[in-house]
Amino acid sequence: MQENRPIEQLKAAITAKRERTLQEQFERVVSLVKVLRQECPWDRKQTSHSLAHLLLEESYELVHAIDEGDESELKKEIGDLFLHLCFQVELAGERGTFSFGDVFDALSHKLISRHPHVFGDVVAESEREVVKNWESLKMQEGRQSLLEGVPNTMSELLRAYRVQKKVSGVGFDWPSDDGVLDKLAEEISELKHAAGKAEQEEEFGDLLFTIVNYSRFLGANPEDALRKATNKFMARFRAVEEKVHSSARDWKEFSPEELDALWQEAKRC
């Protein structure tokens, strides 16, 4: 019984109903994770790797809440994401590698060192100058390539965007969007004339990469733009779907012209 006393005291402190300061609220969540690691069979089995895919899922759910403008869900999803961060730090502590204090110290150091135009005497009056300084400082930290640190686990659309932004930061870029549009027309032509599946796939990839490049000149994140386009399509398709279901007819009974008419009606709504 003596061995269980500290954990029982911790559980009692966590579940006590009282007003807490922000620091106490933070420490309460951290303590909850510690208790779960000891007391819950599922949580005891988890590793950094086993939780990685859930961390990614929670990130997407947070973005969805932002898109929906749902403040209640946003609060919940931020909490879910923070829970996963707490778990990762707890697991690192068990490995003896780092703690929350180390995380916060490293973050503070990076934010200060990467913003010499705020905390030092460097002048950066535009967003482009800030990005250029940011990438230059990364190289001074020992990186061998500008492209180091671009995660392979990113969606390829976002990874292409990140790569292009990084090389643009050192001036490796089109001088204007006219060049990108010309390249876009060139890639479409090459795709039309591609022979065989392998060449078609390669040319299609080049076309996508160029479209992502053009998004930068529009000031649009391609991942956000595609997500909004997909959401718009889904909303319109659901409207068509409702019309089909309310007609008591099967999908196969509708002609392409009838479905297109329903689609055009959905677009007008």
C-alpha atoms as a PDB file:
ATOM      1  CA  MET A   1       0.000   0.000   0.000  1.00  0.00           C
ATOM      2  CA  GLN A   2       2.854   2.382   0.749  1.00  0.00           C
ATOM      3  CA  GLU A   3       4.029   2.256  -2.892  1.00  0.00           C
ATOM      4  CA  ASN A   4       0.589   3.305  -4.176  1.00  0.00           C
ATOM      5  CA  ARG A   5       0.245   6.265  -1.836  1.00  0.00           C
ATOM      6  CA  PRO A   6       1.937   8.916  -4.053  1.00  0.00           C
ATOM      7  CA  ILE A   7      -0.203   8.019  -7.056  1.00  0.00           C
ATOM      8  CA  GLU A   8      -3.363   8.024  -4.919  1.00  0.00           C
ATOM      9  CA  GLN A   9      -2.459  11.456  -3.578  1.00  0.00           C
ATOM     10  CA  LEU A  10      -1.848  12.675  -7.119  1.00  0.00           C
ATOM     11  CA  LYS A  11      -5.214  11.310  -8.270  1.00  0.00           C
ATOM     12  CA  ALA A  12      -6.926  13.036  -5.344  1.00  0.00           C
ATOM     13  CA  ALA A  13      -5.260  16.365  -6.178  1.00  0.00           C
ATOM     14  CA  ILE A  14      -6.233  16.020  -9.862  1.00  0.00           C
ATOM     15  CA  THR A  15      -9.910  15.316  -9.175  1.00  0.00           C
ATOM     16  CA  ALA A  16     -10.315  17.942  -6.423  1.00  0.00           C
ATOM     17  CA  LYS A  17     -12.912  20.547  -7.415  1.00  0.00           C
ATOM     18  CA  ARG A  18     -11.481  24.024  -6.940  1.00  0.00           C
ATOM     19  CA  GLU A  19     -10.403  27.089  -8.882  1.00  0.00           C
ATOM     20  CA  ARG A  20      -6.913  26.757 -10.343  1.00  0.00           C
ATOM     21  CA  THR A  21      -4.343  29.156 -11.720  1.00  0.00           C
ATOM     22  CA  LEU A  22      -3.098  28.736 -15.293  1.00  0.00           C
ATOM     23  CA  GLN A  23       0.077  27.082 -13.980  1.00  0.00           C
ATOM     24  CA  GLU A  24      -1.980  24.704 -11.859  1.00  0.00           C
ATOM     25  CA  GLN A  25      -4.200  23.893 -14.845  1.00  0.00           C
ATOM     26  CA  PHE A  26      -1.138  23.062 -16.926  1.00  0.00           C
ATOM     27  CA  GLU A  27       0.382  20.940 -14.147  1.00  0.00           C
ATOM     28  CA  ARG A  28      -2.950  19.154 -13.702  1.00  0.00           C
ATOM     29  CA  VAL A  29      -2.925  17.949 -17.326  1.00  0.00           C
ATOM     30  CA  VAL A  30       0.709  16.846 -17.047  1.00  0.00           C
ATOM     31  CA  SER A  31      -0.141  14.970 -13.858  1.00  0.00           C
ATOM     32  CA  LEU A  32      -3.125  13.333 -15.540  1.00  0.00           C
ATOM     33  CA  VAL A  33      -0.842  11.952 -18.234  1.00  0.00           C
ATOM     34  CA  LYS A  34       1.528  10.565 -15.591  1.00  0.00           C
ATOM     35  CA  VAL A  35      -1.365   8.839 -13.826  1.00  0.00           C
ATOM     36  CA  LEU A  36      -2.712   7.387 -17.071  1.00  0.00           C
ATOM     37  CA  ARG A  37       0.724   6.008 -17.933  1.00  0.00           C
ATOM     38  CA  GLN A  38       0.727   4.116 -14.623  1.00  0.00           C
ATOM     39  CA  GLU A  39      -2.923   3.190 -14.188  1.00  0.00           C
ATOM     40  CA  CYS A  40      -4.421   2.665 -17.673  1.00  0.00           C
ATOM     41  CA  PRO A  41      -3.541  -0.593 -19.522  1.00  0.00           C
ATOM     42  CA  TRP A  42      -3.920   1.043 -22.960  1.00  0.00           C
ATOM     43  CA  ASP A  43      -1.814   4.101 -22.088  1.00  0.00           C
ATOM     44  CA  ARG A  44       0.917   1.943 -20.560  1.00  0.00           C
ATOM     45  CA  LYS A  45       1.423   0.154 -23.884  1.00  0.00           C
ATOM     46  CA  GLN A  46       1.884   3.289 -25.977  1.00  0.00           C
ATOM     47  CA  THR A  47       5.153   4.511 -27.488  1.00  0.00           C
ATOM     48  CA  SER A  48       6.106   7.634 -29.413  1.00  0.00           C
ATOM     49  CA  HIS A  49       5.720   5.678 -32.646  1.00  0.00           C
ATOM     50  CA  SER A  50       2.379   4.092 -31.774  1.00  0.00           C
ATOM     51  CA  LEU A  51       0.902   7.527 -31.029  1.00  0.00           C
ATOM     52  CA  ALA A  52       2.325   9.264 -34.113  1.00  0.00           C
ATOM     53  CA  HIS A  53      -0.607   8.541 -36.435  1.00  0.00           C
ATOM     54  CA  LEU A  54      -3.079   9.696 -33.773  1.00  0.00           C
ATOM     55  CA  LEU A  55      -1.139  12.923 -33.386  1.00  0.00           C
ATOM     56  CA  LEU A  56      -1.529  13.508 -37.114  1.00  0.00           C
ATOM     57  CA  GLU A  57      -5.260  12.715 -36.977  1.00  0.00           C
ATOM     58  CA  GLU A  58      -5.761  15.192 -34.132  1.00  0.00           C
ATOM     59  CA  SER A  59      -3.951  17.867 -36.163  1.00  0.00           C
ATOM     60  CA  TYR A  60      -6.343  17.352 -39.070  1.00  0.00           C
ATOM     61  CA  GLU A  61      -9.338  17.462 -36.736  1.00  0.00           C
ATOM     62  CA  LEU A  62      -8.059  20.759 -35.346  1.00  0.00           C
ATOM     63  CA  VAL A  63      -7.772  22.201 -38.866  1.00  0.00           C
ATOM     64  CA  HIS A  64     -11.317  20.987 -39.587  1.00  0.00           C
ATOM     65  CA  ALA A  65     -12.628  22.809 -36.506  1.00  0.00           C
ATOM     66  CA  ILE A  66     -10.862  25.986 -37.699  1.00  0.00           C
ATOM     67  CA  ASP A  67     -12.431  25.628 -41.160  1.00  0.00           C
ATOM     68  CA  GLU A  68     -15.877  25.117 -39.642  1.00  0.00           C
ATOM     69  CA  GLY A  69     -15.495  28.165 -37.396  1.00  0.00           C
ATOM     70  CA  ASP A  70     -16.730  26.057 -34.489  1.00  0.00           C
ATOM     71  CA  GLU A  71     -15.205  27.603 -31.358  1.00  0.00           C
ATOM     72  CA  SER A  72     -16.460  24.835 -29.066  1.00  0.00           C
ATOM     73  CA  GLU A  73     -14.902  22.107 -31.208  1.00  0.00           C
ATOM     74  CA  LEU A  74     -11.767  24.216 -31.657  1.00  0.00           C
ATOM     75  CA  LYS A  75     -11.299  24.325 -27.891  1.00  0.00           C
ATOM     76  CA  LYS A  76     -11.729  20.546 -27.648  1.00  0.00           C
ATOM     77  CA  GLU A  77      -9.391  19.777 -30.551  1.00  0.00           C
ATOM     78  CA  ILE A  78      -6.663  22.056 -29.176  1.00  0.00           C
ATOM     79  CA  GLY A  79      -6.980  20.114 -25.931  1.00  0.00           C
ATOM     80  CA  ASP A  80      -6.741  16.769 -27.746  1.00  0.00           C
ATOM     81  CA  LEU A  81      -3.629  17.909 -29.605  1.00  0.00           C
ATOM     82  CA  PHE A  82      -2.060  19.225 -26.394  1.00  0.00           C
ATOM     83  CA  LEU A  83      -2.760  15.873 -24.734  1.00  0.00           C
ATOM     84  CA  HIS A  84      -0.674  14.147 -27.406  1.00  0.00           C
ATOM     85  CA  LEU A  85       2.147  16.636 -26.954  1.00  0.00           C
ATOM     86  CA  CYS A  86       2.065  15.956 -23.214  1.00  0.00           C
ATOM     87  CA  PHE A  87       2.274  12.233 -23.888  1.00  0.00           C
ATOM     88  CA  GLN A  88       5.275  12.677 -26.186  1.00  0.00           C
ATOM     89  CA  VAL A  89       7.090  14.720 -23.531  1.00  0.00           C
ATOM     90  CA  GLU A  90       6.180  12.194 -20.822  1.00  0.00           C
ATOM     91  CA  LEU A  91       7.563   9.368 -22.959  1.00  0.00           C
ATOM     92  CA  ALA A  92      10.745  11.364 -23.586  1.00  0.00           C
ATOM     93  CA  GLY A  93      11.079  11.893 -19.840  1.00  0.00           C
ATOM     94  CA  GLU A  94      10.778   8.160 -19.275  1.00  0.00           C
ATOM     95  CA  ARG A  95      13.588   7.660 -21.787  1.00  0.00           C
ATOM     96  CA  GLY A  96      15.608  10.294 -19.928  1.00  0.00           C
ATOM     97  CA  THR A  97      16.007  12.527 -22.988  1.00  0.00           C
ATOM     98  CA  PHE A  98      14.123  15.766 -22.271  1.00  0.00           C
ATOM     99  CA  SER A  99      11.362  17.399 -20.215  1.00  0.00           C
ATOM    100  CA  PHE A 100       8.791  20.157 -20.767  1.00  0.00           C
ATOM    101  CA  GLY A 101      11.321  22.627 -19.388  1.00  0.00           C
ATOM    102  CA  ASP A 102      13.801  21.576 -22.066  1.00  0.00           C
ATOM    103  CA  VAL A 103      11.095  21.936 -24.739  1.00  0.00           C
ATOM    104  CA  PHE A 104      10.171  25.451 -23.629  1.00  0.00           C
ATOM    105  CA  ASP A 105      13.798  26.555 -23.276  1.00  0.00           C
ATOM    106  CA  ALA A 106      14.621  25.273 -26.772  1.00  0.00           C
ATOM    107  CA  LEU A 107      11.549  26.981 -28.217  1.00  0.00           C
ATOM    108  CA  SER A 108      12.302  30.308 -26.533  1.00  0.00           C
ATOM    109  CA  HIS A 109      15.912  30.180 -27.722  1.00  0.00           C
ATOM    110  CA  LYS A 110      14.831  29.453 -31.296  1.00  0.00           C
ATOM    111  CA  LEU A 111      12.198  32.194 -31.386  1.00  0.00           C
ATOM    112  CA  ILE A 112      14.667  34.793 -30.099  1.00  0.00           C
ATOM    113  CA  SER A 113      17.589  33.707 -32.305  1.00  0.00           C
ATOM    114  CA  ARG A 114      15.398  33.436 -35.434  1.00  0.00           C
ATOM    115  CA  HIS A 115      13.946  36.941 -34.945  1.00  0.00           C
ATOM    116  CA  PRO A 116      16.991  39.224 -34.777  1.00  0.00           C
ATOM    117  CA  HIS A 117      14.850  41.955 -36.382  1.00  0.00           C
ATOM    118  CA  VAL A 118      12.710  41.891 -33.200  1.00  0.00           C
ATOM    119  CA  PHE A 119      15.239  41.016 -30.493  1.00  0.00           C
ATOM    120  CA  GLY A 120      18.413  42.309 -32.142  1.00  0.00           C
ATOM    121  CA  ASP A 121      19.613  45.030 -34.488  1.00  0.00           C
ATOM    122  CA  VAL A 122      18.875  43.333 -37.836  1.00  0.00           C
ATOM    123  CA  VAL A 123      16.523  45.267 -40.138  1.00  0.00           C
ATOM    124  CA  ALA A 124      13.755  43.345 -41.902  1.00  0.00           C
ATOM    125  CA  GLU A 125      10.885  45.473 -43.130  1.00  0.00           C
ATOM    126  CA  SER A 126       9.087  42.934 -45.323  1.00  0.00           C
ATOM    127  CA  GLU A 127       7.846  39.381 -44.990  1.00  0.00           C
ATOM    128  CA  ARG A 128      10.262  38.292 -47.736  1.00  0.00           C
ATOM    129  CA  GLU A 129      13.245  39.684 -45.813  1.00  0.00           C
ATOM    130  CA  VAL A 130      12.087  37.870 -42.659  1.00  0.00           C
ATOM    131  CA  VAL A 131      11.866  34.546 -44.537  1.00  0.00           C
ATOM    132  CA  LYS A 132      15.280  35.086 -46.156  1.00  0.00           C
ATOM    133  CA  ASN A 133      16.866  35.818 -42.762  1.00  0.00           C
ATOM    134  CA  TRP A 134      15.105  32.772 -41.264  1.00  0.00           C
ATOM    135  CA  GLU A 135      16.561  30.401 -43.849  1.00  0.00           C
ATOM    136  CA  SER A 136      20.007  32.011 -43.588  1.00  0.00           C
ATOM    137  CA  LEU A 137      20.005  31.534 -39.815  1.00  0.00           C
ATOM    138  CA  LYS A 138      19.058  27.866 -40.245  1.00  0.00           C
ATOM    139  CA  MET A 139      22.122  27.338 -42.429  1.00  0.00           C
ATOM    140  CA  GLN A 140      24.308  29.019 -39.787  1.00  0.00           C
ATOM    141  CA  GLU A 141      23.008  26.454 -37.281  1.00  0.00           C
ATOM    142  CA  GLY A 142      24.824  23.711 -39.160  1.00  0.00           C
ATOM    143  CA  ARG A 143      22.405  22.541 -41.832  1.00  0.00           C
ATOM    144  CA  GLN A 144      24.031  21.305 -45.023  1.00  0.00           C
ATOM    145  CA  SER A 145      21.047  22.054 -47.277  1.00  0.00           C
ATOM    146  CA  LEU A 146      18.135  24.463 -47.345  1.00  0.00           C
ATOM    147  CA  LEU A 147      15.896  21.455 -47.841  1.00  0.00           C
ATOM    148  CA  GLU A 148      16.861  19.736 -44.598  1.00  0.00           C
ATOM    149  CA  GLY A 149      13.976  19.536 -42.199  1.00  0.00           C
ATOM    150  CA  VAL A 150      11.209  19.175 -44.796  1.00  0.00           C
ATOM    151  CA  PRO A 151       9.349  16.120 -43.412  1.00  0.00           C
ATOM    152  CA  ASN A 152       8.797  13.167 -45.732  1.00  0.00           C
ATOM    153  CA  THR A 153       5.580  12.460 -43.838  1.00  0.00           C
ATOM    154  CA  MET A 154       3.921  15.666 -45.059  1.00  0.00           C
ATOM    155  CA  SER A 155       1.229  15.463 -47.698  1.00  0.00           C
ATOM    156  CA  GLU A 156       3.052  15.767 -51.017  1.00  0.00           C
ATOM    157  CA  LEU A 157       1.076  18.876 -51.927  1.00  0.00           C
ATOM    158  CA  LEU A 158       2.272  20.661 -48.800  1.00  0.00           C
ATOM    159  CA  ARG A 159       5.800  19.249 -49.104  1.00  0.00           C
ATOM    160  CA  ALA A 160       6.125  20.649 -52.637  1.00  0.00           C
ATOM    161  CA  TYR A 161       4.902  24.009 -51.333  1.00  0.00           C
ATOM    162  CA  ARG A 162       7.422  24.010 -48.476  1.00  0.00           C
ATOM    163  CA  VAL A 163      10.302  23.085 -50.792  1.00  0.00           C
ATOM    164  CA  GLN A 164       9.387  25.839 -53.252  1.00  0.00           C
ATOM    165  CA  LYS A 165       9.076  28.453 -50.490  1.00  0.00           C
ATOM    166  CA  LYS A 166      12.455  27.498 -49.092  1.00  0.00           C
ATOM    167  CA  VAL A 167      14.333  27.834 -52.389  1.00  0.00           C
ATOM    168  CA  SER A 168      12.408  31.020 -53.151  1.00  0.00           C
ATOM    169  CA  GLY A 169      13.779  32.479 -49.930  1.00  0.00           C
ATOM    170  CA  VAL A 170      17.298  32.555 -51.430  1.00  0.00           C
ATOM    171  CA  GLY A 171      16.150  33.948 -54.778  1.00  0.00           C
ATOM    172  CA  PHE A 172      15.781  30.663 -56.688  1.00  0.00           C
ATOM    173  CA  ASP A 173      12.408  31.536 -58.169  1.00  0.00           C
ATOM    174  CA  TRP A 174      10.498  32.853 -61.155  1.00  0.00           C
ATOM    175  CA  PRO A 175      10.711  36.653 -61.465  1.00  0.00           C
ATOM    176  CA  SER A 176       6.930  36.863 -61.989  1.00  0.00           C
ATOM    177  CA  ASP A 177       3.842  34.692 -62.314  1.00  0.00           C
ATOM    178  CA  ASP A 178       3.992  35.051 -66.124  1.00  0.00           C
ATOM    179  CA  GLY A 179       6.871  32.577 -66.245  1.00  0.00           C
ATOM    180  CA  VAL A 180       4.941  30.110 -64.093  1.00  0.00           C
ATOM    181  CA  LEU A 181       1.861  30.377 -66.328  1.00  0.00           C
ATOM    182  CA  ASP A 182       4.014  29.728 -69.401  1.00  0.00           C
ATOM    183  CA  LYS A 183       5.511  26.710 -67.623  1.00  0.00           C
ATOM    184  CA  LEU A 184       2.012  25.544 -66.731  1.00  0.00           C
ATOM    185  CA  ALA A 185       0.960  25.635 -70.393  1.00  0.00           C
ATOM    186  CA  GLU A 186       4.161  23.765 -71.293  1.00  0.00           C
ATOM    187  CA  GLU A 187       3.481  21.037 -68.721  1.00  0.00           C
ATOM    188  CA  ILE A 188      -0.118  20.603 -69.942  1.00  0.00           C
ATOM    189  CA  SER A 189       1.167  20.186 -73.498  1.00  0.00           C
ATOM    190  CA  GLU A 190       3.760  17.637 -72.375  1.00  0.00           C
ATOM    191  CA  LEU A 191       1.090  15.694 -70.490  1.00  0.00           C
ATOM    192  CA  LYS A 192      -1.118  15.592 -73.593  1.00  0.00           C
ATOM    193  CA  HIS A 193       1.716  14.143 -75.639  1.00  0.00           C
ATOM    194  CA  ALA A 194       3.032  11.719 -72.995  1.00  0.00           C
ATOM    195  CA  ALA A 195       3.191   8.102 -74.123  1.00  0.00           C
ATOM    196  CA  GLY A 196       2.652   5.258 -71.693  1.00  0.00           C
ATOM    197  CA  LYS A 197       1.606   5.222 -68.038  1.00  0.00           C
ATOM    198  CA  ALA A 198       5.057   5.941 -66.582  1.00  0.00           C
ATOM    199  CA  GLU A 199       5.604   9.045 -68.728  1.00  0.00           C
ATOM    200  CA  GLN A 200       2.032  10.245 -68.133  1.00  0.00           C
ATOM    201  CA  GLU A 201       2.515   9.916 -64.367  1.00  0.00           C
ATOM    202  CA  GLU A 202       5.799  11.820 -64.536  1.00  0.00           C
ATOM    203  CA  GLU A 203       4.289  14.639 -66.599  1.00  0.00           C
ATOM    204  CA  PHE A 204       1.243  14.775 -64.349  1.00  0.00           C
ATOM    205  CA  GLY A 205       3.563  15.131 -61.350  1.00  0.00           C
ATOM    206  CA  ASP A 206       5.394  17.989 -63.077  1.00  0.00           C
ATOM    207  CA  LEU A 207       2.048  19.655 -63.759  1.00  0.00           C
ATOM    208  CA  LEU A 208       1.002  19.386 -60.105  1.00  0.00           C
ATOM    209  CA  PHE A 209       4.364  20.747 -58.980  1.00  0.00           C
ATOM    210  CA  THR A 210       3.946  23.755 -61.292  1.00  0.00           C
ATOM    211  CA  ILE A 211       0.393  24.369 -60.068  1.00  0.00           C
ATOM    212  CA  VAL A 212       1.731  24.417 -56.496  1.00  0.00           C
ATOM    213  CA  ASN A 213       4.377  26.894 -57.644  1.00  0.00           C
ATOM    214  CA  TYR A 214       1.692  29.153 -59.071  1.00  0.00           C
ATOM    215  CA  SER A 215      -0.232  29.039 -55.796  1.00  0.00           C
ATOM    216  CA  ARG A 216       2.645  30.866 -54.118  1.00  0.00           C
ATOM    217  CA  PHE A 217       2.293  33.757 -56.558  1.00  0.00           C
ATOM    218  CA  LEU A 218      -1.427  33.893 -55.745  1.00  0.00           C
ATOM    219  CA  GLY A 219      -0.573  34.016 -52.049  1.00  0.00           C
ATOM    220  CA  ALA A 220      -2.569  30.822 -51.515  1.00  0.00           C
ATOM    221  CA  ASN A 221      -1.572  27.685 -49.629  1.00  0.00           C
ATOM    222  CA  PRO A 222      -2.352  24.806 -52.038  1.00  0.00           C
ATOM    223  CA  GLU A 223      -3.378  22.490 -49.202  1.00  0.00           C
ATOM    224  CA  ASP A 224      -5.913  25.046 -47.953  1.00  0.00           C
ATOM    225  CA  ALA A 225      -7.153  25.789 -51.474  1.00  0.00           C
ATOM    226  CA  LEU A 226      -7.637  22.110 -52.313  1.00  0.00           C
ATOM    227  CA  ARG A 227      -9.317  21.402 -48.979  1.00  0.00           C
ATOM    228  CA  LYS A 228     -11.800  24.235 -49.587  1.00  0.00           C
ATOM    229  CA  ALA A 229     -12.429  23.016 -53.140  1.00  0.00           C
ATOM    230  CA  THR A 230     -13.030  19.469 -51.882  1.00  0.00           C
ATOM    231  CA  ASN A 231     -15.386  20.725 -49.158  1.00  0.00           C
ATOM    232  CA  LYS A 232     -17.271  22.785 -51.762  1.00  0.00           C
ATOM    233  CA  PHE A 233     -17.587  19.756 -54.051  1.00  0.00           C
ATOM    234  CA  MET A 234     -18.828  17.591 -51.174  1.00  0.00           C
ATOM    235  CA  ALA A 235     -21.478  20.156 -50.186  1.00  0.00           C
ATOM    236  CA  ARG A 236     -22.726  20.414 -53.762  1.00  0.00           C
ATOM    237  CA  PHE A 237     -22.700  16.653 -54.256  1.00  0.00           C
ATOM    238  CA  ARG A 238     -24.754  16.195 -51.077  1.00  0.00           C
ATOM    239  CA  ALA A 239     -27.316  18.610 -52.547  1.00  0.00           C
ATOM    240  CA  VAL A 240     -27.449  16.483 -55.729  1.00  0.00           C
ATOM    241  CA  GLU A 241     -27.657  13.357 -53.588  1.00  0.00           C
ATOM    242  CA  GLU A 242     -30.662  14.738 -51.700  1.00  0.00           C
ATOM    243  CA  LYS A 243     -32.442  15.443 -55.001  1.00  0.00           C
ATOM    244  CA  VAL A 244     -31.743  11.922 -56.218  1.00  0.00           C
ATOM    245  CA  HIS A 245     -32.954  10.343 -52.965  1.00  0.00           C
ATOM    246  CA  SER A 246     -36.091  12.497 -52.829  1.00  0.00           C
ATOM    247  CA  SER A 247     -36.977  11.478 -56.401  1.00  0.00           C
ATOM    248  CA  ALA A 248     -37.345   7.802 -55.375  1.00  0.00           C
ATOM    249  CA  ARG A 249     -35.279   6.935 -58.452  1.00  0.00           C
ATOM    250  CA  ASP A 250     -31.972   5.074 -58.498  1.00  0.00           C
ATOM    251  CA  TRP A 251     -28.747   6.767 -59.559  1.00  0.00           C
ATOM    252  CA  LYS A 252     -28.516   4.597 -62.677  1.00  0.00           C
ATOM    253  CA  GLU A 253     -31.931   5.840 -63.800  1.00  0.00           C
ATOM    254  CA  PHE A 254     -30.606   9.387 -64.210  1.00  0.00           C
ATOM    255  CA  SER A 255     -29.033  10.377 -67.494  1.00  0.00           C
ATOM    256  CA  PRO A 256     -25.733  12.319 -67.517  1.00  0.00           C
ATOM    257  CA  GLU A 257     -27.699  15.374 -68.670  1.00  0.00           C
ATOM    258  CA  GLU A 258     -30.113  15.118 -65.741  1.00  0.00           C
ATOM    259  CA  LEU A 259     -27.276  14.753 -63.234  1.00  0.00           C
ATOM    260  CA  ASP A 260     -25.505  17.732 -64.760  1.00  0.00           C
ATOM    261  CA  ALA A 261     -28.711  19.785 -64.427  1.00  0.00           C
ATOM    262  CA  LEU A 262     -28.890  18.853 -60.724  1.00  0.00           C
ATOM    263  CA  TRP A 263     -25.224  19.790 -60.343  1.00  0.00           C
ATOM    264  CA  GLN A 264     -25.774  23.184 -61.969  1.00  0.00           C
ATOM    265  CA  GLU A 265     -28.729  23.754 -59.620  1.00  0.00           C
ATOM    266  CA  ALA A 266     -26.540  22.882 -56.624  1.00  0.00           C
ATOM    267  CA  LYS A 267     -23.915  25.374 -57.804  1.00  0.00           C
ATOM    268  CA  ARG A 268     -26.505  28.159 -57.861  1.00  0.00           C
ATOM    269  CA  CYS A 269     -27.513  27.533 -54.232  1.00  0.00           C
END
